[in-house]
Amino acid sequence: MRPQLFVGLTAIIAVFGATLDAPARAENEFDVTVAAGQVTVQAKGDWHINKDFPWKLVVGDTKLDKSKFDLGEKTAKVSNAPKGTGKLKGAVCSKEACHTLEKDVTIP
């Protein structure tokens, strides 16, 4: 394979892969709010909550799976979360792409 073609294909693959399922970094797609015992993800603009994704919140030894989340079109909310620092995992989608999200959260 010619070097120029290889570089071009590599760039296309990198861009295509980033659009399909890259962790959301800029957070232009969603906001996360944390209150006592509750974590909420609010999708922005044309983005919506991916209800098929295996949502999860892990705080210490406590794992709250998708069944504990209230998943709507624009919001994903989990209540009765224990106090402490944890990791939230979920996904938001638009018509063109889906982005997974992983956020460190501290529940007061």
PDB file of N, CA and C in Angstrom:
ATOM      1  N   MET A   1       0.845  -1.172   0.000  1.00  0.00           N
ATOM      2  CA  MET A   1       0.000   0.000   0.000  1.00  0.00           C
ATOM      3  C   MET A   1       0.892   1.238   0.000  1.00  0.00           C
ATOM      4  N   ARG A   2       0.539   2.220  -0.796  1.00  0.00           N
ATOM      5  CA  ARG A   2       1.328   3.439  -0.872  1.00  0.00           C
ATOM      6  C   ARG A   2       1.202   4.241   0.420  1.00  0.00           C
ATOM      7  N   PRO A   3       2.281   4.912   0.870  1.00  0.00           N
ATOM      8  CA  PRO A   3       2.263   5.659   2.132  1.00  0.00           C
ATOM      9  C   PRO A   3       1.162   6.714   2.194  1.00  0.00           C
ATOM     10  N   GLN A   4       0.927   7.448   1.097  1.00  0.00           N
ATOM     11  CA  GLN A   4      -0.088   8.499   1.106  1.00  0.00           C
ATOM     12  C   GLN A   4      -1.477   7.909   1.295  1.00  0.00           C
ATOM     13  N   LEU A   5      -1.763   6.821   0.638  1.00  0.00           N
ATOM     14  CA  LEU A   5      -3.064   6.173   0.762  1.00  0.00           C
ATOM     15  C   LEU A   5      -3.249   5.653   2.179  1.00  0.00           C
ATOM     16  N   PHE A   6      -2.199   5.066   2.746  1.00  0.00           N
ATOM     17  CA  PHE A   6      -2.268   4.545   4.104  1.00  0.00           C
ATOM     18  C   PHE A   6      -2.561   5.659   5.101  1.00  0.00           C
ATOM     19  N   VAL A   7      -1.884   6.796   4.981  1.00  0.00           N
ATOM     20  CA  VAL A   7      -2.108   7.937   5.872  1.00  0.00           C
ATOM     21  C   VAL A   7      -3.538   8.439   5.724  1.00  0.00           C
ATOM     22  N   GLY A   8      -4.034   8.532   4.502  1.00  0.00           N
ATOM     23  CA  GLY A   8      -5.401   8.990   4.264  1.00  0.00           C
ATOM     24  C   GLY A   8      -6.427   8.051   4.866  1.00  0.00           C
ATOM     25  N   LEU A   9      -6.237   6.747   4.686  1.00  0.00           N
ATOM     26  CA  LEU A   9      -7.153   5.763   5.266  1.00  0.00           C
ATOM     27  C   LEU A   9      -7.116   5.800   6.786  1.00  0.00           C
ATOM     28  N   THR A  10      -5.947   5.978   7.351  1.00  0.00           N
ATOM     29  CA  THR A  10      -5.814   6.056   8.806  1.00  0.00           C
ATOM     30  C   THR A  10      -6.588   7.253   9.343  1.00  0.00           C
ATOM     31  N   ALA A  11      -6.495   8.389   8.675  1.00  0.00           N
ATOM     32  CA  ALA A  11      -7.224   9.586   9.109  1.00  0.00           C
ATOM     33  C   ALA A  11      -8.730   9.371   9.017  1.00  0.00           C
ATOM     34  N   ILE A  12      -9.194   8.752   7.950  1.00  0.00           N
ATOM     35  CA  ILE A  12     -10.623   8.497   7.782  1.00  0.00           C
ATOM     36  C   ILE A  12     -11.126   7.552   8.869  1.00  0.00           C
ATOM     37  N   ILE A  13     -10.390   6.497   9.135  1.00  0.00           N
ATOM     38  CA  ILE A  13     -10.781   5.544  10.175  1.00  0.00           C
ATOM     39  C   ILE A  13     -10.817   6.220  11.537  1.00  0.00           C
ATOM     40  N   ALA A  14      -9.843   7.062  11.836  1.00  0.00           N
ATOM     41  CA  ALA A  14      -9.807   7.759  13.120  1.00  0.00           C
ATOM     42  C   ALA A  14     -11.015   8.665  13.293  1.00  0.00           C
ATOM     43  N   VAL A  15     -11.369   9.415  12.265  1.00  0.00           N
ATOM     44  CA  VAL A  15     -12.524  10.313  12.341  1.00  0.00           C
ATOM     45  C   VAL A  15     -13.810   9.513  12.445  1.00  0.00           C
ATOM     46  N   PHE A  16     -13.958   8.471  11.631  1.00  0.00           N
ATOM     47  CA  PHE A  16     -15.162   7.656  11.643  1.00  0.00           C
ATOM     48  C   PHE A  16     -15.336   6.976  12.995  1.00  0.00           C
ATOM     49  N   GLY A  17     -14.273   6.415  13.535  1.00  0.00           N
ATOM     50  CA  GLY A  17     -14.340   5.753  14.836  1.00  0.00           C
ATOM     51  C   GLY A  17     -14.675   6.720  15.950  1.00  0.00           C
ATOM     52  N   ALA A  18     -14.180   7.931  15.879  1.00  0.00           N
ATOM     53  CA  ALA A  18     -14.462   8.928  16.915  1.00  0.00           C
ATOM     54  C   ALA A  18     -15.920   9.336  16.910  1.00  0.00           C
ATOM     55  N   THR A  19     -16.581   9.290  15.766  1.00  0.00           N
ATOM     56  CA  THR A  19     -17.980   9.726  15.709  1.00  0.00           C
ATOM     57  C   THR A  19     -18.937   8.643  16.187  1.00  0.00           C
ATOM     58  N   LEU A  20     -18.578   7.396  16.044  1.00  0.00           N
ATOM     59  CA  LEU A  20     -19.529   6.344  16.360  1.00  0.00           C
ATOM     60  C   LEU A  20     -19.706   6.085  17.835  1.00  0.00           C
ATOM     61  N   ASP A  21     -18.639   5.885  18.564  1.00  0.00           N
ATOM     62  CA  ASP A  21     -18.832   5.459  19.937  1.00  0.00           C
ATOM     63  C   ASP A  21     -17.718   5.957  20.843  1.00  0.00           C
ATOM     64  N   ALA A  22     -17.272   7.158  20.626  1.00  0.00           N
ATOM     65  CA  ALA A  22     -16.210   7.691  21.457  1.00  0.00           C
ATOM     66  C   ALA A  22     -16.792   8.220  22.757  1.00  0.00           C
ATOM     67  N   PRO A  23     -16.059   8.077  23.856  1.00  0.00           N
ATOM     68  CA  PRO A  23     -16.530   8.697  25.088  1.00  0.00           C
ATOM     69  C   PRO A  23     -16.668  10.199  24.886  1.00  0.00           C
ATOM     70  N   ALA A  24     -17.756  10.754  25.376  1.00  0.00           N
ATOM     71  CA  ALA A  24     -17.983  12.192  25.216  1.00  0.00           C
ATOM     72  C   ALA A  24     -16.961  12.944  26.059  1.00  0.00           C
ATOM     73  N   ARG A  25     -16.197  13.805  25.440  1.00  0.00           N
ATOM     74  CA  ARG A  25     -15.163  14.539  26.153  1.00  0.00           C
ATOM     75  C   ARG A  25     -15.558  16.001  26.367  1.00  0.00           C
ATOM     76  N   ALA A  26     -16.105  16.621  25.358  1.00  0.00           N
ATOM     77  CA  ALA A  26     -16.392  18.044  25.432  1.00  0.00           C
ATOM     78  C   ALA A  26     -17.660  18.327  26.214  1.00  0.00           C
ATOM     79  N   GLU A  27     -18.475  17.318  26.408  1.00  0.00           N
ATOM     80  CA  GLU A  27     -19.733  17.432  27.123  1.00  0.00           C
ATOM     81  C   GLU A  27     -20.664  18.447  26.485  1.00  0.00           C
ATOM     82  N   ASN A  28     -20.577  18.588  25.177  1.00  0.00           N
ATOM     83  CA  ASN A  28     -21.527  19.415  24.445  1.00  0.00           C
ATOM     84  C   ASN A  28     -22.840  18.674  24.260  1.00  0.00           C
ATOM     85  N   GLU A  29     -22.833  17.379  24.543  1.00  0.00           N
ATOM     86  CA  GLU A  29     -24.001  16.544  24.314  1.00  0.00           C
ATOM     87  C   GLU A  29     -24.883  16.391  25.549  1.00  0.00           C
ATOM     88  N   PHE A  30     -24.340  16.647  26.752  1.00  0.00           N
ATOM     89  CA  PHE A  30     -25.084  16.383  27.978  1.00  0.00           C
ATOM     90  C   PHE A  30     -24.535  17.197  29.146  1.00  0.00           C
ATOM     91  N   ASP A  31     -25.355  17.313  30.203  1.00  0.00           N
ATOM     92  CA  ASP A  31     -24.935  17.869  31.485  1.00  0.00           C
ATOM     93  C   ASP A  31     -25.192  16.817  32.546  1.00  0.00           C
ATOM     94  N   VAL A  32     -24.351  16.779  33.568  1.00  0.00           N
ATOM     95  CA  VAL A  32     -24.544  15.892  34.701  1.00  0.00           C
ATOM     96  C   VAL A  32     -24.697  16.760  35.949  1.00  0.00           C
ATOM     97  N   THR A  33     -25.762  16.513  36.708  1.00  0.00           N
ATOM     98  CA  THR A  33     -25.949  17.202  37.976  1.00  0.00           C
ATOM     99  C   THR A  33     -26.045  16.169  39.090  1.00  0.00           C
ATOM    100  N   VAL A  34     -25.493  16.539  40.241  1.00  0.00           N
ATOM    101  CA  VAL A  34     -25.474  15.643  41.383  1.00  0.00           C
ATOM    102  C   VAL A  34     -26.073  16.380  42.569  1.00  0.00           C
ATOM    103  N   ALA A  35     -26.999  15.713  43.247  1.00  0.00           N
ATOM    104  CA  ALA A  35     -27.598  16.237  44.473  1.00  0.00           C
ATOM    105  C   ALA A  35     -27.552  15.113  45.498  1.00  0.00           C
ATOM    106  N   ALA A  36     -28.017  15.370  46.693  1.00  0.00           N
ATOM    107  CA  ALA A  36     -28.002  14.345  47.741  1.00  0.00           C
ATOM    108  C   ALA A  36     -28.723  13.087  47.258  1.00  0.00           C
ATOM    109  N   GLY A  37     -27.973  12.018  47.066  1.00  0.00           N
ATOM    110  CA  GLY A  37     -28.549  10.742  46.685  1.00  0.00           C
ATOM    111  C   GLY A  37     -29.067  10.625  45.267  1.00  0.00           C
ATOM    112  N   GLN A  38     -28.773  11.603  44.426  1.00  0.00           N
ATOM    113  CA  GLN A  38     -29.328  11.576  43.073  1.00  0.00           C
ATOM    114  C   GLN A  38     -28.326  12.085  42.041  1.00  0.00           C
ATOM    115  N   VAL A  39     -28.273  11.400  40.892  1.00  0.00           N
ATOM    116  CA  VAL A  39     -27.438  11.820  39.767  1.00  0.00           C
ATOM    117  C   VAL A  39     -28.342  11.896  38.543  1.00  0.00           C
ATOM    118  N   THR A  40     -28.264  13.016  37.808  1.00  0.00           N
ATOM    119  CA  THR A  40     -29.103  13.224  36.634  1.00  0.00           C
ATOM    120  C   THR A  40     -28.251  13.601  35.441  1.00  0.00           C
ATOM    121  N   VAL A  41     -28.524  12.958  34.298  1.00  0.00           N
ATOM    122  CA  VAL A  41     -27.901  13.306  33.025  1.00  0.00           C
ATOM    123  C   VAL A  41     -28.984  13.956  32.177  1.00  0.00           C
ATOM    124  N   GLN A  42     -28.707  15.136  31.666  1.00  0.00           N
ATOM    125  CA  GLN A  42     -29.636  15.878  30.815  1.00  0.00           C
ATOM    126  C   GLN A  42     -29.015  15.997  29.430  1.00  0.00           C
ATOM    127  N   ALA A  43     -29.646  15.376  28.429  1.00  0.00           N
ATOM    128  CA  ALA A  43     -29.157  15.479  27.055  1.00  0.00           C
ATOM    129  C   ALA A  43     -29.426  16.885  26.525  1.00  0.00           C
ATOM    130  N   LYS A  44     -28.495  17.409  25.726  1.00  0.00           N
ATOM    131  CA  LYS A  44     -28.610  18.756  25.170  1.00  0.00           C
ATOM    132  C   LYS A  44     -29.006  18.706  23.695  1.00  0.00           C
ATOM    133  N   GLY A  45     -29.672  19.755  23.248  1.00  0.00           N
ATOM    134  CA  GLY A  45     -29.960  19.933  21.823  1.00  0.00           C
ATOM    135  C   GLY A  45     -30.648  18.737  21.197  1.00  0.00           C
ATOM    136  N   ASP A  46     -30.081  18.251  20.087  1.00  0.00           N
ATOM    137  CA  ASP A  46     -30.658  17.121  19.353  1.00  0.00           C
ATOM    138  C   ASP A  46     -30.272  15.769  19.936  1.00  0.00           C
ATOM    139  N   TRP A  47     -29.524  15.754  21.018  1.00  0.00           N
ATOM    140  CA  TRP A  47     -29.096  14.509  21.648  1.00  0.00           C
ATOM    141  C   TRP A  47     -30.206  13.958  22.527  1.00  0.00           C
ATOM    142  N   HIS A  48     -30.252  12.629  22.672  1.00  0.00           N
ATOM    143  CA  HIS A  48     -31.232  11.988  23.547  1.00  0.00           C
ATOM    144  C   HIS A  48     -30.556  10.853  24.319  1.00  0.00           C
ATOM    145  N   ILE A  49     -31.214  10.400  25.359  1.00  0.00           N
ATOM    146  CA  ILE A  49     -30.699   9.315  26.189  1.00  0.00           C
ATOM    147  C   ILE A  49     -30.795   8.001  25.423  1.00  0.00           C
ATOM    148  N   ASN A  50     -29.726   7.223  25.448  1.00  0.00           N
ATOM    149  CA  ASN A  50     -29.730   5.890  24.835  1.00  0.00           C
ATOM    150  C   ASN A  50     -30.277   4.912  25.877  1.00  0.00           C
ATOM    151  N   LYS A  51     -31.541   4.543  25.731  1.00  0.00           N
ATOM    152  CA  LYS A  51     -32.206   3.667  26.698  1.00  0.00           C
ATOM    153  C   LYS A  51     -31.745   2.218  26.591  1.00  0.00           C
ATOM    154  N   ASP A  52     -31.078   1.851  25.498  1.00  0.00           N
ATOM    155  CA  ASP A  52     -30.600   0.486  25.309  1.00  0.00           C
ATOM    156  C   ASP A  52     -29.223   0.249  25.931  1.00  0.00           C
ATOM    157  N   PHE A  53     -28.527   1.314  26.270  1.00  0.00           N
ATOM    158  CA  PHE A  53     -27.188   1.194  26.845  1.00  0.00           C
ATOM    159  C   PHE A  53     -27.291   0.644  28.271  1.00  0.00           C
ATOM    160  N   PRO A  54     -26.334  -0.160  28.713  1.00  0.00           N
ATOM    161  CA  PRO A  54     -26.355  -0.681  30.093  1.00  0.00           C
ATOM    162  C   PRO A  54     -25.866   0.367  31.106  1.00  0.00           C
ATOM    163  N   TRP A  55     -26.715   1.334  31.427  1.00  0.00           N
ATOM    164  CA  TRP A  55     -26.383   2.400  32.369  1.00  0.00           C
ATOM    165  C   TRP A  55     -25.939   1.797  33.697  1.00  0.00           C
ATOM    166  N   LYS A  56     -25.007   2.508  34.364  1.00  0.00           N
ATOM    167  CA  LYS A  56     -24.498   1.999  35.636  1.00  0.00           C
ATOM    168  C   LYS A  56     -23.902   3.143  36.443  1.00  0.00           C
ATOM    169  N   LEU A  57     -24.107   3.078  37.758  1.00  0.00           N
ATOM    170  CA  LEU A  57     -23.434   3.964  38.704  1.00  0.00           C
ATOM    171  C   LEU A  57     -22.806   3.072  39.766  1.00  0.00           C
ATOM    172  N   VAL A  58     -21.496   3.223  39.934  1.00  0.00           N
ATOM    173  CA  VAL A  58     -20.774   2.453  40.943  1.00  0.00           C
ATOM    174  C   VAL A  58     -20.194   3.429  41.954  1.00  0.00           C
ATOM    175  N   VAL A  59     -20.592   3.252  43.226  1.00  0.00           N
ATOM    176  CA  VAL A  59     -20.073   4.063  44.330  1.00  0.00           C
ATOM    177  C   VAL A  59     -19.583   3.083  45.386  1.00  0.00           C
ATOM    178  N   GLY A  60     -18.271   3.006  45.541  1.00  0.00           N
ATOM    179  CA  GLY A  60     -17.705   2.035  46.480  1.00  0.00           C
ATOM    180  C   GLY A  60     -18.096   0.626  46.066  1.00  0.00           C
ATOM    181  N   ASP A  61     -18.687  -0.134  46.988  1.00  0.00           N
ATOM    182  CA  ASP A  61     -19.117  -1.501  46.709  1.00  0.00           C
ATOM    183  C   ASP A  61     -20.536  -1.568  46.146  1.00  0.00           C
ATOM    184  N   THR A  62     -21.207  -0.415  46.050  1.00  0.00           N
ATOM    185  CA  THR A  62     -22.591  -0.386  45.574  1.00  0.00           C
ATOM    186  C   THR A  62     -22.621  -0.182  44.068  1.00  0.00           C
ATOM    187  N   LYS A  63     -23.325  -1.087  43.373  1.00  0.00           N
ATOM    188  CA  LYS A  63     -23.482  -0.992  41.923  1.00  0.00           C
ATOM    189  C   LYS A  63     -24.968  -0.853  41.607  1.00  0.00           C
ATOM    190  N   LEU A  64     -25.322   0.296  41.031  1.00  0.00           N
ATOM    191  CA  LEU A  64     -26.703   0.536  40.608  1.00  0.00           C
ATOM    192  C   LEU A  64     -26.758   0.343  39.102  1.00  0.00           C
ATOM    193  N   ASP A  65     -27.468  -0.693  38.664  1.00  0.00           N
ATOM    194  CA  ASP A  65     -27.527  -0.995  37.240  1.00  0.00           C
ATOM    195  C   ASP A  65     -28.693  -0.269  36.568  1.00  0.00           C
ATOM    196  N   LYS A  66     -28.866  -0.535  35.302  1.00  0.00           N
ATOM    197  CA  LYS A  66     -29.873   0.129  34.473  1.00  0.00           C
ATOM    198  C   LYS A  66     -31.282   0.059  35.078  1.00  0.00           C
ATOM    199  N   SER A  67     -31.600  -1.028  35.786  1.00  0.00           N
ATOM    200  CA  SER A  67     -32.937  -1.185  36.363  1.00  0.00           C
ATOM    201  C   SER A  67     -33.233  -0.140  37.433  1.00  0.00           C
ATOM    202  N   LYS A  68     -32.205   0.493  37.989  1.00  0.00           N
ATOM    203  CA  LYS A  68     -32.373   1.520  39.030  1.00  0.00           C
ATOM    204  C   LYS A  68     -32.500   2.927  38.445  1.00  0.00           C
ATOM    205  N   PHE A  69     -32.312   3.071  37.129  1.00  0.00           N
ATOM    206  CA  PHE A  69     -32.362   4.375  36.468  1.00  0.00           C
ATOM    207  C   PHE A  69     -33.763   4.651  35.936  1.00  0.00           C
ATOM    208  N   ASP A  70     -34.168   5.897  36.010  1.00  0.00           N
ATOM    209  CA  ASP A  70     -35.375   6.371  35.336  1.00  0.00           C
ATOM    210  C   ASP A  70     -34.892   6.990  34.027  1.00  0.00           C
ATOM    211  N   LEU A  71     -35.115   6.291  32.912  1.00  0.00           N
ATOM    212  CA  LEU A  71     -34.605   6.724  31.608  1.00  0.00           C
ATOM    213  C   LEU A  71     -35.723   7.335  30.778  1.00  0.00           C
ATOM    214  N   GLY A  72     -35.597   8.633  30.490  1.00  0.00           N
ATOM    215  CA  GLY A  72     -36.552   9.326  29.639  1.00  0.00           C
ATOM    216  C   GLY A  72     -35.909   9.683  28.308  1.00  0.00           C
ATOM    217  N   GLU A  73     -36.620  10.437  27.514  1.00  0.00           N
ATOM    218  CA  GLU A  73     -36.097  10.855  26.208  1.00  0.00           C
ATOM    219  C   GLU A  73     -34.869  11.752  26.361  1.00  0.00           C
ATOM    220  N   LYS A  74     -34.924  12.709  27.302  1.00  0.00           N
ATOM    221  CA  LYS A  74     -33.844  13.685  27.460  1.00  0.00           C
ATOM    222  C   LYS A  74     -33.110  13.569  28.796  1.00  0.00           C
ATOM    223  N   THR A  75     -33.639  12.767  29.746  1.00  0.00           N
ATOM    224  CA  THR A  75     -32.986  12.658  31.045  1.00  0.00           C
ATOM    225  C   THR A  75     -32.824  11.205  31.479  1.00  0.00           C
ATOM    226  N   ALA A  76     -31.735  10.982  32.200  1.00  0.00           N
ATOM    227  CA  ALA A  76     -31.485   9.704  32.866  1.00  0.00           C
ATOM    228  C   ALA A  76     -31.208  10.053  34.323  1.00  0.00           C
ATOM    229  N   LYS A  77     -31.966   9.452  35.233  1.00  0.00           N
ATOM    230  CA  LYS A  77     -31.835   9.811  36.636  1.00  0.00           C
ATOM    231  C   LYS A  77     -31.758   8.544  37.482  1.00  0.00           C
ATOM    232  N   VAL A  78     -30.859   8.555  38.437  1.00  0.00           N
ATOM    233  CA  VAL A  78     -30.780   7.475  39.412  1.00  0.00           C
ATOM    234  C   VAL A  78     -30.891   8.109  40.795  1.00  0.00           C
ATOM    235  N   SER A  79     -31.778   7.560  41.609  1.00  0.00           N
ATOM    236  CA  SER A  79     -31.992   8.055  42.966  1.00  0.00           C
ATOM    237  C   SER A  79     -31.506   7.014  43.964  1.00  0.00           C
ATOM    238  N   ASN A  80     -31.484   7.394  45.227  1.00  0.00           N
ATOM    239  CA  ASN A  80     -31.038   6.512  46.309  1.00  0.00           C
ATOM    240  C   ASN A  80     -29.594   6.066  46.135  1.00  0.00           C
ATOM    241  N   ALA A  81     -28.785   6.926  45.559  1.00  0.00           N
ATOM    242  CA  ALA A  81     -27.358   6.636  45.416  1.00  0.00           C
ATOM    243  C   ALA A  81     -26.674   6.889  46.761  1.00  0.00           C
ATOM    244  N   PRO A  82     -25.742   6.032  47.150  1.00  0.00           N
ATOM    245  CA  PRO A  82     -25.043   6.249  48.422  1.00  0.00           C
ATOM    246  C   PRO A  82     -24.068   7.415  48.332  1.00  0.00           C
ATOM    247  N   LYS A  83     -23.744   7.971  49.478  1.00  0.00           N
ATOM    248  CA  LYS A  83     -22.751   9.044  49.533  1.00  0.00           C
ATOM    249  C   LYS A  83     -21.389   8.491  49.147  1.00  0.00           C
ATOM    250  N   GLY A  84     -20.610   9.337  48.484  1.00  0.00           N
ATOM    251  CA  GLY A  84     -19.250   8.957  48.142  1.00  0.00           C
ATOM    252  C   GLY A  84     -18.898   9.286  46.709  1.00  0.00           C
ATOM    253  N   THR A  85     -17.693   8.892  46.327  1.00  0.00           N
ATOM    254  CA  THR A  85     -17.202   9.128  44.979  1.00  0.00           C
ATOM    255  C   THR A  85     -17.412   7.870  44.155  1.00  0.00           C
ATOM    256  N   GLY A  86     -17.886   8.063  42.935  1.00  0.00           N
ATOM    257  CA  GLY A  86     -18.150   6.920  42.088  1.00  0.00           C
ATOM    258  C   GLY A  86     -17.993   7.232  40.623  1.00  0.00           C
ATOM    259  N   LYS A  87     -18.388   6.268  39.793  1.00  0.00           N
ATOM    260  CA  LYS A  87     -18.288   6.418  38.342  1.00  0.00           C
ATOM    261  C   LYS A  87     -19.646   6.137  37.717  1.00  0.00           C
ATOM    262  N   LEU A  88     -20.077   7.062  36.875  1.00  0.00           N
ATOM    263  CA  LEU A  88     -21.323   6.958  36.127  1.00  0.00           C
ATOM    264  C   LEU A  88     -20.995   6.558  34.698  1.00  0.00           C
ATOM    265  N   LYS A  89     -21.741   5.582  34.172  1.00  0.00           N
ATOM    266  CA  LYS A  89     -21.567   5.176  32.772  1.00  0.00           C
ATOM    267  C   LYS A  89     -22.928   5.177  32.094  1.00  0.00           C
ATOM    268  N   GLY A  90     -22.951   5.746  30.876  1.00  0.00           N
ATOM    269  CA  GLY A  90     -24.182   5.805  30.101  1.00  0.00           C
ATOM    270  C   GLY A  90     -23.878   6.178  28.671  1.00  0.00           C
ATOM    271  N   ALA A  91     -24.921   6.571  27.926  1.00  0.00           N
ATOM    272  CA  ALA A  91     -24.718   6.959  26.529  1.00  0.00           C
ATOM    273  C   ALA A  91     -25.828   7.890  26.079  1.00  0.00           C
ATOM    274  N   VAL A  92     -25.461   8.802  25.192  1.00  0.00           N
ATOM    275  CA  VAL A  92     -26.408   9.701  24.532  1.00  0.00           C
ATOM    276  C   VAL A  92     -26.236   9.555  23.030  1.00  0.00           C
ATOM    277  N   CYS A  93     -27.321   9.781  22.301  1.00  0.00           N
ATOM    278  CA  CYS A  93     -27.276   9.625  20.842  1.00  0.00           C
ATOM    279  C   CYS A  93     -27.934  10.818  20.153  1.00  0.00           C
ATOM    280  N   SER A  94     -27.532  11.027  18.919  1.00  0.00           N
ATOM    281  CA  SER A  94     -28.197  11.955  18.014  1.00  0.00           C
ATOM    282  C   SER A  94     -28.598  11.125  16.797  1.00  0.00           C
ATOM    283  N   LYS A  95     -29.074  11.775  15.762  1.00  0.00           N
ATOM    284  CA  LYS A  95     -29.418  11.044  14.536  1.00  0.00           C
ATOM    285  C   LYS A  95     -28.179  10.465  13.867  1.00  0.00           C
ATOM    286  N   GLU A  96     -27.019  11.127  14.051  1.00  0.00           N
ATOM    287  CA  GLU A  96     -25.802  10.732  13.359  1.00  0.00           C
ATOM    288  C   GLU A  96     -24.853   9.869  14.177  1.00  0.00           C
ATOM    289  N   ALA A  97     -24.912   9.948  15.512  1.00  0.00           N
ATOM    290  CA  ALA A  97     -23.882   9.291  16.317  1.00  0.00           C
ATOM    291  C   ALA A  97     -24.383   8.982  17.713  1.00  0.00           C
ATOM    292  N   CYS A  98     -23.683   8.067  18.378  1.00  0.00           N
ATOM    293  CA  CYS A  98     -23.883   7.791  19.796  1.00  0.00           C
ATOM    294  C   CYS A  98     -22.552   7.969  20.505  1.00  0.00           C
ATOM    295  N   HIS A  99     -22.589   8.558  21.687  1.00  0.00           N
ATOM    296  CA  HIS A  99     -21.391   8.744  22.483  1.00  0.00           C
ATOM    297  C   HIS A  99     -21.614   8.130  23.851  1.00  0.00           C
ATOM    298  N   THR A 100     -20.677   7.302  24.284  1.00  0.00           N
ATOM    299  CA  THR A 100     -20.720   6.806  25.644  1.00  0.00           C
ATOM    300  C   THR A 100     -20.196   7.908  26.570  1.00  0.00           C
ATOM    301  N   LEU A 101     -20.613   7.848  27.816  1.00  0.00           N
ATOM    302  CA  LEU A 101     -20.103   8.807  28.779  1.00  0.00           C
ATOM    303  C   LEU A 101     -19.629   8.061  30.012  1.00  0.00           C
ATOM    304  N   GLU A 102     -18.539   8.507  30.558  1.00  0.00           N
ATOM    305  CA  GLU A 102     -18.006   8.023  31.817  1.00  0.00           C
ATOM    306  C   GLU A 102     -17.623   9.251  32.623  1.00  0.00           C
ATOM    307  N   LYS A 103     -18.294   9.398  33.758  1.00  0.00           N
ATOM    308  CA  LYS A 103     -18.071  10.583  34.582  1.00  0.00           C
ATOM    309  C   LYS A 103     -17.784  10.169  36.011  1.00  0.00           C
ATOM    310  N   ASP A 104     -16.761  10.777  36.595  1.00  0.00           N
ATOM    311  CA  ASP A 104     -16.551  10.631  38.023  1.00  0.00           C
ATOM    312  C   ASP A 104     -17.515  11.577  38.723  1.00  0.00           C
ATOM    313  N   VAL A 105     -18.217  11.084  39.711  1.00  0.00           N
ATOM    314  CA  VAL A 105     -19.183  11.901  40.444  1.00  0.00           C
ATOM    315  C   VAL A 105     -18.954  11.737  41.928  1.00  0.00           C
ATOM    316  N   THR A 106     -19.277  12.786  42.686  1.00  0.00           N
ATOM    317  CA  THR A 106     -19.230  12.732  44.140  1.00  0.00           C
ATOM    318  C   THR A 106     -20.619  13.063  44.657  1.00  0.00           C
ATOM    319  N   ILE A 107     -21.231  12.097  45.322  1.00  0.00           N
ATOM    320  CA  ILE A 107     -22.579  12.258  45.829  1.00  0.00           C
ATOM    321  C   ILE A 107     -22.506  12.706  47.286  1.00  0.00           C
ATOM    322  N   PRO A 108     -23.097  13.872  47.582  1.00  0.00           N
ATOM    323  CA  PRO A 108     -23.030  14.407  48.961  1.00  0.00           C
ATOM    324  C   PRO A 108     -23.986  13.661  49.898  1.00  0.00           C
TER     325      PRO A 108
END
